């Protein structure tokens, strides 16, 4: 899960870049509810 990643500036930058590409903050997907959701 995302919250288990190392607290490192490179990791944060990568998550920011992924969020920009997906146009959605991937950090918000790091919950049991989001992982079990089938909504798009």
PDB file of N, CA and C in Angstrom:
ATOM      1  N   UNK A   1       0.828  -1.174   0.000  1.00  0.00           N
ATOM      2  CA  UNK A   1       0.000   0.000   0.000  1.00  0.00           C
ATOM      3  C   UNK A   1       0.878   1.244   0.000  1.00  0.00           C
ATOM      4  N   UNK A   2       0.326   2.301  -0.496  1.00  0.00           N
ATOM      5  CA  UNK A   2       1.088   3.532  -0.650  1.00  0.00           C
ATOM      6  C   UNK A   2       1.608   4.054   0.682  1.00  0.00           C
ATOM      7  N   UNK A   3       0.808   3.963   1.738  1.00  0.00           N
ATOM      8  CA  UNK A   3       1.226   4.513   3.031  1.00  0.00           C
ATOM      9  C   UNK A   3       2.422   3.776   3.616  1.00  0.00           C
ATOM     10  N   UNK A   4       2.758   2.621   3.081  1.00  0.00           N
ATOM     11  CA  UNK A   4       3.904   1.860   3.571  1.00  0.00           C
ATOM     12  C   UNK A   4       5.200   2.195   2.832  1.00  0.00           C
ATOM     13  N   UNK A   5       5.112   3.047   1.818  1.00  0.00           N
ATOM     14  CA  UNK A   5       6.309   3.423   1.079  1.00  0.00           C
ATOM     15  C   UNK A   5       7.215   4.285   1.947  1.00  0.00           C
ATOM     16  N   UNK A   6       8.494   4.240   1.627  1.00  0.00           N
ATOM     17  CA  UNK A   6       9.478   5.022   2.355  1.00  0.00           C
ATOM     18  C   UNK A   6       9.175   6.510   2.185  1.00  0.00           C
ATOM     19  N   UNK A   7       9.279   7.259   3.279  1.00  0.00           N
ATOM     20  CA  UNK A   7       9.090   8.711   3.227  1.00  0.00           C
ATOM     21  C   UNK A   7      10.348   9.328   2.638  1.00  0.00           C
ATOM     22  N   UNK A   8      10.337   9.477   1.330  1.00  0.00           N
ATOM     23  CA  UNK A   8      11.516   9.928   0.602  1.00  0.00           C
ATOM     24  C   UNK A   8      11.070  10.922  -0.466  1.00  0.00           C
ATOM     25  N   UNK A   9      11.823  11.986  -0.698  1.00  0.00           N
ATOM     26  CA  UNK A   9      11.433  12.968  -1.715  1.00  0.00           C
ATOM     27  C   UNK A   9      11.261  12.362  -3.114  1.00  0.00           C
ATOM     28  N   UNK A  10      12.052  11.363  -3.446  1.00  0.00           N
ATOM     29  CA  UNK A  10      11.936  10.725  -4.762  1.00  0.00           C
ATOM     30  C   UNK A  10      10.617   9.974  -4.893  1.00  0.00           C
ATOM     31  N   UNK A  11      10.193   9.332  -3.815  1.00  0.00           N
ATOM     32  CA  UNK A  11       8.915   8.617  -3.813  1.00  0.00           C
ATOM     33  C   UNK A  11       7.777   9.623  -3.937  1.00  0.00           C
ATOM     34  N   UNK A  12       7.853  10.714  -3.183  1.00  0.00           N
ATOM     35  CA  UNK A  12       6.821  11.746  -3.243  1.00  0.00           C
ATOM     36  C   UNK A  12       6.730  12.341  -4.645  1.00  0.00           C
ATOM     37  N   UNK A  13       7.852  12.594  -5.266  1.00  0.00           N
ATOM     38  CA  UNK A  13       7.870  13.135  -6.619  1.00  0.00           C
ATOM     39  C   UNK A  13       7.231  12.158  -7.602  1.00  0.00           C
ATOM     40  N   UNK A  14       7.553  10.904  -7.469  1.00  0.00           N
ATOM     41  CA  UNK A  14       6.973   9.881  -8.336  1.00  0.00           C
ATOM     42  C   UNK A  14       5.460   9.801  -8.154  1.00  0.00           C
ATOM     43  N   UNK A  15       4.983   9.828  -6.912  1.00  0.00           N
ATOM     44  CA  UNK A  15       3.544   9.800  -6.659  1.00  0.00           C
ATOM     45  C   UNK A  15       2.863  11.043  -7.238  1.00  0.00           C
ATOM     46  N   UNK A  16       3.519  12.188  -7.138  1.00  0.00           N
ATOM     47  CA  UNK A  16       2.974  13.413  -7.732  1.00  0.00           C
ATOM     48  C   UNK A  16       2.873  13.289  -9.250  1.00  0.00           C
ATOM     49  N   UNK A  17       3.908  12.743  -9.869  1.00  0.00           N
ATOM     50  CA  UNK A  17       3.903  12.574 -11.330  1.00  0.00           C
ATOM     51  C   UNK A  17       2.821  11.595 -11.769  1.00  0.00           C
ATOM     52  N   UNK A  18       2.672  10.503 -11.044  1.00  0.00           N
ATOM     53  CA  UNK A  18       1.627   9.524 -11.364  1.00  0.00           C
ATOM     54  C   UNK A  18       0.253  10.165 -11.215  1.00  0.00           C
ATOM     55  N   UNK A  19       0.065  10.922 -10.154  1.00  0.00           N
ATOM     56  CA  UNK A  19      -1.214  11.604  -9.932  1.00  0.00           C
ATOM     57  C   UNK A  19      -1.513  12.581 -11.060  1.00  0.00           C
ATOM     58  N   UNK A  20      -0.501  13.304 -11.528  1.00  0.00           N
ATOM     59  CA  UNK A  20      -0.698  14.237 -12.642  1.00  0.00           C
ATOM     60  C   UNK A  20      -1.120  13.508 -13.910  1.00  0.00           C
ATOM     61  N   UNK A  21      -0.467  12.403 -14.202  1.00  0.00           N
ATOM     62  CA  UNK A  21      -0.791  11.646 -15.412  1.00  0.00           C
ATOM     63  C   UNK A  21      -2.203  11.081 -15.333  1.00  0.00           C
ATOM     64  N   UNK A  22      -2.575  10.554 -14.176  1.00  0.00           N
ATOM     65  CA  UNK A  22      -3.891   9.944 -14.000  1.00  0.00           C
ATOM     66  C   UNK A  22      -4.991  10.975 -13.712  1.00  0.00           C
ATOM     67  N   UNK A  23      -4.578  12.212 -13.425  1.00  0.00           N
ATOM     68  CA  UNK A  23      -5.515  13.280 -13.057  1.00  0.00           C
ATOM     69  C   UNK A  23      -6.360  12.882 -11.851  1.00  0.00           C
ATOM     70  N   UNK A  24      -5.701  12.206 -10.924  1.00  0.00           N
ATOM     71  CA  UNK A  24      -6.346  11.758  -9.700  1.00  0.00           C
ATOM     72  C   UNK A  24      -5.240  11.525  -8.672  1.00  0.00           C
ATOM     73  N   UNK A  25      -5.417  11.993  -7.461  1.00  0.00           N
ATOM     74  CA  UNK A  25      -4.401  11.806  -6.425  1.00  0.00           C
ATOM     75  C   UNK A  25      -4.370  10.337  -6.012  1.00  0.00           C
ATOM     76  N   UNK A  26      -3.313   9.647  -6.394  1.00  0.00           N
ATOM     77  CA  UNK A  26      -3.224   8.215  -6.103  1.00  0.00           C
ATOM     78  C   UNK A  26      -3.168   7.932  -4.604  1.00  0.00           C
ATOM     79  N   UNK A  27      -2.786   8.918  -3.813  1.00  0.00           N
ATOM     80  CA  UNK A  27      -2.752   8.723  -2.359  1.00  0.00           C
ATOM     81  C   UNK A  27      -4.158   8.468  -1.813  1.00  0.00           C
ATOM     82  N   UNK A  28      -5.172   9.004  -2.490  1.00  0.00           N
ATOM     83  CA  UNK A  28      -6.555   8.817  -2.057  1.00  0.00           C
ATOM     84  C   UNK A  28      -7.044   7.396  -2.329  1.00  0.00           C
ATOM     85  N   UNK A  29      -6.312   6.659  -3.134  1.00  0.00           N
ATOM     86  CA  UNK A  29      -6.686   5.290  -3.461  1.00  0.00           C
ATOM     87  C   UNK A  29      -6.157   4.287  -2.439  1.00  0.00           C
ATOM     88  N   UNK A  30      -5.418   4.774  -1.473  1.00  0.00           N
ATOM     89  CA  UNK A  30      -4.760   3.917  -0.495  1.00  0.00           C
ATOM     90  C   UNK A  30      -5.639   3.707   0.744  1.00  0.00           C
ATOM     91  N   UNK A  31      -6.742   3.021   0.533  1.00  0.00           N
ATOM     92  CA  UNK A  31      -7.617   2.672   1.654  1.00  0.00           C
ATOM     93  C   UNK A  31      -8.354   1.387   1.285  1.00  0.00           C
ATOM     94  N   UNK A  32      -8.758   0.634   2.269  1.00  0.00           N
ATOM     95  CA  UNK A  32      -9.512  -0.594   1.966  1.00  0.00           C
ATOM     96  C   UNK A  32     -10.779  -0.311   1.153  1.00  0.00           C
ATOM     97  N   UNK A  33     -11.455   0.789   1.471  1.00  0.00           N
ATOM     98  CA  UNK A  33     -12.676   1.129   0.750  1.00  0.00           C
ATOM     99  C   UNK A  33     -12.389   1.390  -0.727  1.00  0.00           C
ATOM    100  N   UNK A  34     -11.353   2.177  -1.001  1.00  0.00           N
ATOM    101  CA  UNK A  34     -11.013   2.497  -2.386  1.00  0.00           C
ATOM    102  C   UNK A  34     -10.565   1.260  -3.137  1.00  0.00           C
ATOM    103  N   UNK A  35      -9.809   0.391  -2.495  1.00  0.00           N
ATOM    104  CA  UNK A  35      -9.335  -0.823  -3.158  1.00  0.00           C
ATOM    105  C   UNK A  35     -10.467  -1.795  -3.454  1.00  0.00           C
ATOM    106  N   UNK A  36     -11.510  -1.776  -2.634  1.00  0.00           N
ATOM    107  CA  UNK A  36     -12.652  -2.666  -2.855  1.00  0.00           C
ATOM    108  C   UNK A  36     -13.714  -2.071  -3.759  1.00  0.00           C
ATOM    109  N   UNK A  37     -13.582  -0.799  -4.085  1.00  0.00           N
ATOM    110  CA  UNK A  37     -14.582  -0.125  -4.889  1.00  0.00           C
ATOM    111  C   UNK A  37     -14.479  -0.535  -6.359  1.00  0.00           C
ATOM    112  N   UNK A  38     -15.622  -0.662  -6.991  1.00  0.00           N
ATOM    113  CA  UNK A  38     -15.649  -0.924  -8.428  1.00  0.00           C
ATOM    114  C   UNK A  38     -16.059   0.317  -9.206  1.00  0.00           C
ATOM    115  N   UNK A  39     -16.273   1.416  -8.509  1.00  0.00           N
ATOM    116  CA  UNK A  39     -16.639   2.667  -9.165  1.00  0.00           C
ATOM    117  C   UNK A  39     -15.424   3.254  -9.875  1.00  0.00           C
ATOM    118  N   UNK A  40     -15.672   3.901 -10.991  1.00  0.00           N
ATOM    119  CA  UNK A  40     -14.569   4.484 -11.759  1.00  0.00           C
ATOM    120  C   UNK A  40     -14.330   5.857 -11.517  1.00  0.00           C
TER     121      UNK A  40
END
